[in-house]
Amino acid sequence: MTTRTTAPLDNPPIPVQAKLAAAWTSFMFLYVYVDVLNFYKPGVVHGILNGLVWEFDVSPTLLTIFLASVAIPAVMVMLSMTLPTRVNRTTNLVVASLLIPYSVFNAVGESWEWAFFYALSIGIEVLLLAFILRSAWTWPRTHADAHSDAAAVATAGRPREDLRQ
């Protein structure tokens, strides 16, 4: 009889950029699925076929606004993986902050009959955005980052030839 010992599972650290990209991907899928599920509400498809979305006439401008709206999280997936750290952090903080009220606005004018649907979908969206905000806000600083920041401050405004010394 052999005895097996189990080792703890390895849990390597995940880069902040990957966490942010994963959170934006989750947000994007939820955002799109909520819109698709909305088509099952009575009267929604009929209204669209008659050229109305909510109270707005379907138009190129309206569809462009909708496209821009759903493109934001899609673009944030890519930006979270490619932007330099400082710009990445700031971009994630700004965009996630702006999307929280935008997400909550989606429930305006809805009946109490659909309150749980909107509370659940918006609640999860806001939780994902809060995770993004927390991840960006608590982005760890490394010794190299602190050294680079100090060097940048020390060399700011000095002529190029002084930097070679």
C-alpha atoms as a PDB file:
ATOM      1  CA  MET A   1       0.000   0.000   0.000  1.00  0.00           C
ATOM      2  CA  THR A   2       1.404   3.367  -1.013  1.00  0.00           C
ATOM      3  CA  THR A   3       0.614   6.596   0.701  1.00  0.00           C
ATOM      4  CA  ARG A   4       0.075   9.602  -1.484  1.00  0.00           C
ATOM      5  CA  THR A   5       0.886  12.998  -0.174  1.00  0.00           C
ATOM      6  CA  THR A   6      -0.808  15.947  -1.703  1.00  0.00           C
ATOM      7  CA  ALA A   7       1.017  19.143  -2.287  1.00  0.00           C
ATOM      8  CA  PRO A   8      -0.790  22.438  -2.180  1.00  0.00           C
ATOM      9  CA  LEU A   9      -1.823  23.760  -5.567  1.00  0.00           C
ATOM     10  CA  ASP A  10       0.463  26.359  -7.047  1.00  0.00           C
ATOM     11  CA  ASN A  11      -1.142  29.775  -7.170  1.00  0.00           C
ATOM     12  CA  PRO A  12       1.134  32.017  -9.233  1.00  0.00           C
ATOM     13  CA  PRO A  13       0.425  35.731  -9.140  1.00  0.00           C
ATOM     14  CA  ILE A  14      -1.723  37.033 -11.971  1.00  0.00           C
ATOM     15  CA  PRO A  15      -0.595  40.304 -13.567  1.00  0.00           C
ATOM     16  CA  VAL A  16      -2.943  43.234 -12.967  1.00  0.00           C
ATOM     17  CA  GLN A  17      -3.308  43.685 -16.729  1.00  0.00           C
ATOM     18  CA  ALA A  18      -4.668  40.129 -17.071  1.00  0.00           C
ATOM     19  CA  LYS A  19      -7.096  40.654 -14.171  1.00  0.00           C
ATOM     20  CA  LEU A  20      -8.368  43.852 -15.762  1.00  0.00           C
ATOM     21  CA  ALA A  21      -8.721  42.272 -19.207  1.00  0.00           C
ATOM     22  CA  ALA A  22     -10.612  39.317 -17.703  1.00  0.00           C
ATOM     23  CA  ALA A  23     -12.937  41.628 -15.782  1.00  0.00           C
ATOM     24  CA  TRP A  24     -13.620  43.752 -18.879  1.00  0.00           C
ATOM     25  CA  THR A  25     -14.290  40.568 -20.877  1.00  0.00           C
ATOM     26  CA  SER A  26     -16.778  39.395 -18.254  1.00  0.00           C
ATOM     27  CA  PHE A  27     -18.400  42.825 -18.194  1.00  0.00           C
ATOM     28  CA  MET A  28     -18.650  42.854 -21.993  1.00  0.00           C
ATOM     29  CA  PHE A  29     -20.293  39.420 -22.163  1.00  0.00           C
ATOM     30  CA  LEU A  30     -22.766  40.285 -19.408  1.00  0.00           C
ATOM     31  CA  TYR A  31     -23.537  43.630 -21.037  1.00  0.00           C
ATOM     32  CA  VAL A  32     -24.298  41.995 -24.386  1.00  0.00           C
ATOM     33  CA  TYR A  33     -26.271  39.098 -22.877  1.00  0.00           C
ATOM     34  CA  VAL A  34     -28.470  41.476 -20.885  1.00  0.00           C
ATOM     35  CA  ASP A  35     -29.257  43.312 -24.130  1.00  0.00           C
ATOM     36  CA  VAL A  36     -30.052  40.025 -25.906  1.00  0.00           C
ATOM     37  CA  LEU A  37     -32.239  38.793 -23.038  1.00  0.00           C
ATOM     38  CA  ASN A  38     -34.064  42.123 -23.136  1.00  0.00           C
ATOM     39  CA  PHE A  39     -35.442  41.098 -26.553  1.00  0.00           C
ATOM     40  CA  TYR A  40     -37.607  38.523 -24.753  1.00  0.00           C
ATOM     41  CA  LYS A  41     -39.532  41.213 -22.886  1.00  0.00           C
ATOM     42  CA  PRO A  42     -43.017  41.580 -24.334  1.00  0.00           C
ATOM     43  CA  GLY A  43     -43.231  44.328 -26.927  1.00  0.00           C
ATOM     44  CA  VAL A  44     -39.484  44.952 -27.337  1.00  0.00           C
ATOM     45  CA  VAL A  45     -39.046  43.194 -30.693  1.00  0.00           C
ATOM     46  CA  HIS A  46     -42.364  44.606 -31.931  1.00  0.00           C
ATOM     47  CA  GLY A  47     -41.163  48.112 -31.024  1.00  0.00           C
ATOM     48  CA  ILE A  48     -37.848  47.568 -32.814  1.00  0.00           C
ATOM     49  CA  LEU A  49     -39.653  46.294 -35.913  1.00  0.00           C
ATOM     50  CA  ASN A  50     -41.736  49.477 -35.792  1.00  0.00           C
ATOM     51  CA  GLY A  51     -38.562  51.571 -35.593  1.00  0.00           C
ATOM     52  CA  LEU A  52     -38.530  52.357 -31.863  1.00  0.00           C
ATOM     53  CA  VAL A  53     -36.057  51.493 -29.105  1.00  0.00           C
ATOM     54  CA  TRP A  54     -37.403  52.708 -25.767  1.00  0.00           C
ATOM     55  CA  GLU A  55     -38.776  56.094 -26.812  1.00  0.00           C
ATOM     56  CA  PHE A  56     -36.185  56.750 -29.516  1.00  0.00           C
ATOM     57  CA  ASP A  57     -36.562  56.342 -33.262  1.00  0.00           C
ATOM     58  CA  VAL A  58     -34.126  53.811 -34.691  1.00  0.00           C
ATOM     59  CA  SER A  59     -31.643  55.882 -36.674  1.00  0.00           C
ATOM     60  CA  PRO A  60     -28.021  55.741 -37.767  1.00  0.00           C
ATOM     61  CA  THR A  61     -27.152  58.109 -34.902  1.00  0.00           C
ATOM     62  CA  LEU A  62     -28.876  55.926 -32.295  1.00  0.00           C
ATOM     63  CA  LEU A  63     -27.235  52.758 -33.580  1.00  0.00           C
ATOM     64  CA  THR A  64     -23.844  54.500 -33.648  1.00  0.00           C
ATOM     65  CA  ILE A  65     -24.325  55.505 -29.996  1.00  0.00           C
ATOM     66  CA  PHE A  66     -25.260  51.905 -29.131  1.00  0.00           C
ATOM     67  CA  LEU A  67     -22.219  50.604 -30.999  1.00  0.00           C
ATOM     68  CA  ALA A  68     -19.923  53.020 -29.184  1.00  0.00           C
ATOM     69  CA  SER A  69     -21.491  51.949 -25.907  1.00  0.00           C
ATOM     70  CA  VAL A  70     -20.815  48.244 -26.406  1.00  0.00           C
ATOM     71  CA  ALA A  71     -17.401  48.925 -27.953  1.00  0.00           C
ATOM     72  CA  ILE A  72     -16.080  50.516 -24.758  1.00  0.00           C
ATOM     73  CA  PRO A  73     -15.610  47.278 -22.779  1.00  0.00           C
ATOM     74  CA  ALA A  74     -14.322  45.490 -25.893  1.00  0.00           C
ATOM     75  CA  VAL A  75     -11.651  48.130 -26.405  1.00  0.00           C
ATOM     76  CA  MET A  76     -10.844  48.132 -22.681  1.00  0.00           C
ATOM     77  CA  VAL A  77      -9.927  44.431 -22.900  1.00  0.00           C
ATOM     78  CA  MET A  78      -7.213  45.273 -25.409  1.00  0.00           C
ATOM     79  CA  LEU A  79      -6.121  48.502 -23.734  1.00  0.00           C
ATOM     80  CA  SER A  80      -5.795  46.766 -20.355  1.00  0.00           C
ATOM     81  CA  MET A  81      -3.244  44.405 -21.856  1.00  0.00           C
ATOM     82  CA  THR A  82      -1.286  46.920 -23.942  1.00  0.00           C
ATOM     83  CA  LEU A  83      -1.217  50.386 -22.369  1.00  0.00           C
ATOM     84  CA  PRO A  84       1.758  51.476 -20.267  1.00  0.00           C
ATOM     85  CA  THR A  85       1.145  51.056 -16.541  1.00  0.00           C
ATOM     86  CA  ARG A  86       0.369  54.658 -15.549  1.00  0.00           C
ATOM     87  CA  VAL A  87      -1.935  55.290 -18.522  1.00  0.00           C
ATOM     88  CA  ASN A  88      -3.514  51.858 -18.058  1.00  0.00           C
ATOM     89  CA  ARG A  89      -4.303  52.517 -14.410  1.00  0.00           C
ATOM     90  CA  THR A  90      -5.757  55.964 -15.108  1.00  0.00           C
ATOM     91  CA  THR A  91      -7.785  54.784 -18.112  1.00  0.00           C
ATOM     92  CA  ASN A  92      -9.308  51.907 -16.143  1.00  0.00           C
ATOM     93  CA  LEU A  93     -10.163  54.181 -13.199  1.00  0.00           C
ATOM     94  CA  VAL A  94     -11.823  56.796 -15.428  1.00  0.00           C
ATOM     95  CA  VAL A  95     -13.739  54.443 -17.740  1.00  0.00           C
ATOM     96  CA  ALA A  96     -14.999  52.152 -14.951  1.00  0.00           C
ATOM     97  CA  SER A  97     -16.086  55.191 -12.907  1.00  0.00           C
ATOM     98  CA  LEU A  98     -18.048  56.595 -15.844  1.00  0.00           C
ATOM     99  CA  LEU A  99     -19.712  53.258 -16.628  1.00  0.00           C
ATOM    100  CA  ILE A 100     -21.198  52.805 -13.135  1.00  0.00           C
ATOM    101  CA  PRO A 101     -23.838  55.564 -13.498  1.00  0.00           C
ATOM    102  CA  TYR A 102     -24.317  54.555 -17.138  1.00  0.00           C
ATOM    103  CA  SER A 103     -25.109  50.973 -16.046  1.00  0.00           C
ATOM    104  CA  VAL A 104     -27.521  52.147 -13.353  1.00  0.00           C
ATOM    105  CA  PHE A 105     -29.266  54.411 -15.892  1.00  0.00           C
ATOM    106  CA  ASN A 106     -30.387  51.283 -17.803  1.00  0.00           C
ATOM    107  CA  ALA A 107     -33.079  50.651 -15.175  1.00  0.00           C
ATOM    108  CA  VAL A 108     -34.644  54.107 -15.455  1.00  0.00           C
ATOM    109  CA  GLY A 109     -38.287  53.945 -16.440  1.00  0.00           C
ATOM    110  CA  GLU A 110     -38.609  50.169 -16.046  1.00  0.00           C
ATOM    111  CA  SER A 111     -41.592  48.666 -14.238  1.00  0.00           C
ATOM    112  CA  TRP A 112     -41.334  46.905 -10.866  1.00  0.00           C
ATOM    113  CA  GLU A 113     -42.221  43.688 -12.676  1.00  0.00           C
ATOM    114  CA  TRP A 114     -38.681  43.694 -14.146  1.00  0.00           C
ATOM    115  CA  ALA A 115     -36.934  44.980 -11.015  1.00  0.00           C
ATOM    116  CA  PHE A 116     -35.196  41.687 -10.166  1.00  0.00           C
ATOM    117  CA  PHE A 117     -33.879  41.280 -13.732  1.00  0.00           C
ATOM    118  CA  TYR A 118     -32.396  44.772 -13.725  1.00  0.00           C
ATOM    119  CA  ALA A 119     -31.200  44.596 -10.115  1.00  0.00           C
ATOM    120  CA  LEU A 120     -29.335  41.357 -10.819  1.00  0.00           C
ATOM    121  CA  SER A 121     -27.830  42.449 -14.136  1.00  0.00           C
ATOM    122  CA  ILE A 122     -26.874  45.936 -12.992  1.00  0.00           C
ATOM    123  CA  GLY A 123     -25.682  44.595  -9.645  1.00  0.00           C
ATOM    124  CA  ILE A 124     -23.268  42.189 -11.340  1.00  0.00           C
ATOM    125  CA  GLU A 125     -22.128  44.888 -13.776  1.00  0.00           C
ATOM    126  CA  VAL A 126     -21.403  47.261 -10.878  1.00  0.00           C
ATOM    127  CA  LEU A 127     -19.557  44.507  -8.971  1.00  0.00           C
ATOM    128  CA  LEU A 128     -17.358  43.857 -12.014  1.00  0.00           C
ATOM    129  CA  LEU A 129     -16.711  47.589 -12.388  1.00  0.00           C
ATOM    130  CA  ALA A 130     -15.898  47.809  -8.656  1.00  0.00           C
ATOM    131  CA  PHE A 131     -13.393  44.957  -9.110  1.00  0.00           C
ATOM    132  CA  ILE A 132     -11.832  46.885 -12.005  1.00  0.00           C
ATOM    133  CA  LEU A 133     -11.645  50.052  -9.906  1.00  0.00           C
ATOM    134  CA  ARG A 134     -10.112  48.189  -6.957  1.00  0.00           C
ATOM    135  CA  SER A 135      -7.586  46.371  -9.150  1.00  0.00           C
ATOM    136  CA  ALA A 136      -6.510  49.578 -10.867  1.00  0.00           C
ATOM    137  CA  TRP A 137      -6.480  51.619  -7.652  1.00  0.00           C
ATOM    138  CA  THR A 138      -4.386  49.059  -5.730  1.00  0.00           C
ATOM    139  CA  TRP A 139      -2.009  48.370  -8.627  1.00  0.00           C
ATOM    140  CA  PRO A 140       1.184  47.297  -6.845  1.00  0.00           C
ATOM    141  CA  ARG A 141       4.236  49.473  -7.119  1.00  0.00           C
ATOM    142  CA  THR A 142       7.558  47.755  -7.586  1.00  0.00           C
ATOM    143  CA  HIS A 143      10.938  49.052  -6.524  1.00  0.00           C
ATOM    144  CA  ALA A 144      11.718  49.710 -10.192  1.00  0.00           C
ATOM    145  CA  ASP A 145       8.534  51.811 -10.514  1.00  0.00           C
ATOM    146  CA  ALA A 146       9.496  53.943  -7.513  1.00  0.00           C
ATOM    147  CA  HIS A 147      13.031  54.368  -8.884  1.00  0.00           C
ATOM    148  CA  SER A 148      11.677  55.313 -12.334  1.00  0.00           C
ATOM    149  CA  ASP A 149       9.273  57.818 -10.779  1.00  0.00           C
ATOM    150  CA  ALA A 150      12.093  59.453  -8.787  1.00  0.00           C
ATOM    151  CA  ALA A 151      14.333  59.551 -11.861  1.00  0.00           C
ATOM    152  CA  ALA A 152      11.574  61.109 -13.939  1.00  0.00           C
ATOM    153  CA  VAL A 153      11.016  63.827 -11.337  1.00  0.00           C
ATOM    154  CA  ALA A 154      14.764  64.464 -10.977  1.00  0.00           C
ATOM    155  CA  THR A 155      15.297  64.832 -14.724  1.00  0.00           C
ATOM    156  CA  ALA A 156      12.168  66.815 -15.525  1.00  0.00           C
ATOM    157  CA  GLY A 157      12.992  70.044 -17.287  1.00  0.00           C
ATOM    158  CA  ARG A 158      16.740  69.368 -17.625  1.00  0.00           C
ATOM    159  CA  PRO A 159      18.342  69.744 -21.047  1.00  0.00           C
ATOM    160  CA  ARG A 160      18.966  66.550 -22.997  1.00  0.00           C
ATOM    161  CA  GLU A 161      22.759  66.764 -22.757  1.00  0.00           C
ATOM    162  CA  ASP A 162      22.595  66.868 -18.937  1.00  0.00           C
ATOM    163  CA  LEU A 163      20.848  63.495 -18.938  1.00  0.00           C
ATOM    164  CA  ARG A 164      23.893  61.740 -20.444  1.00  0.00           C
ATOM    165  CA  GLN A 165      26.079  62.368 -17.391  1.00  0.00           C
END
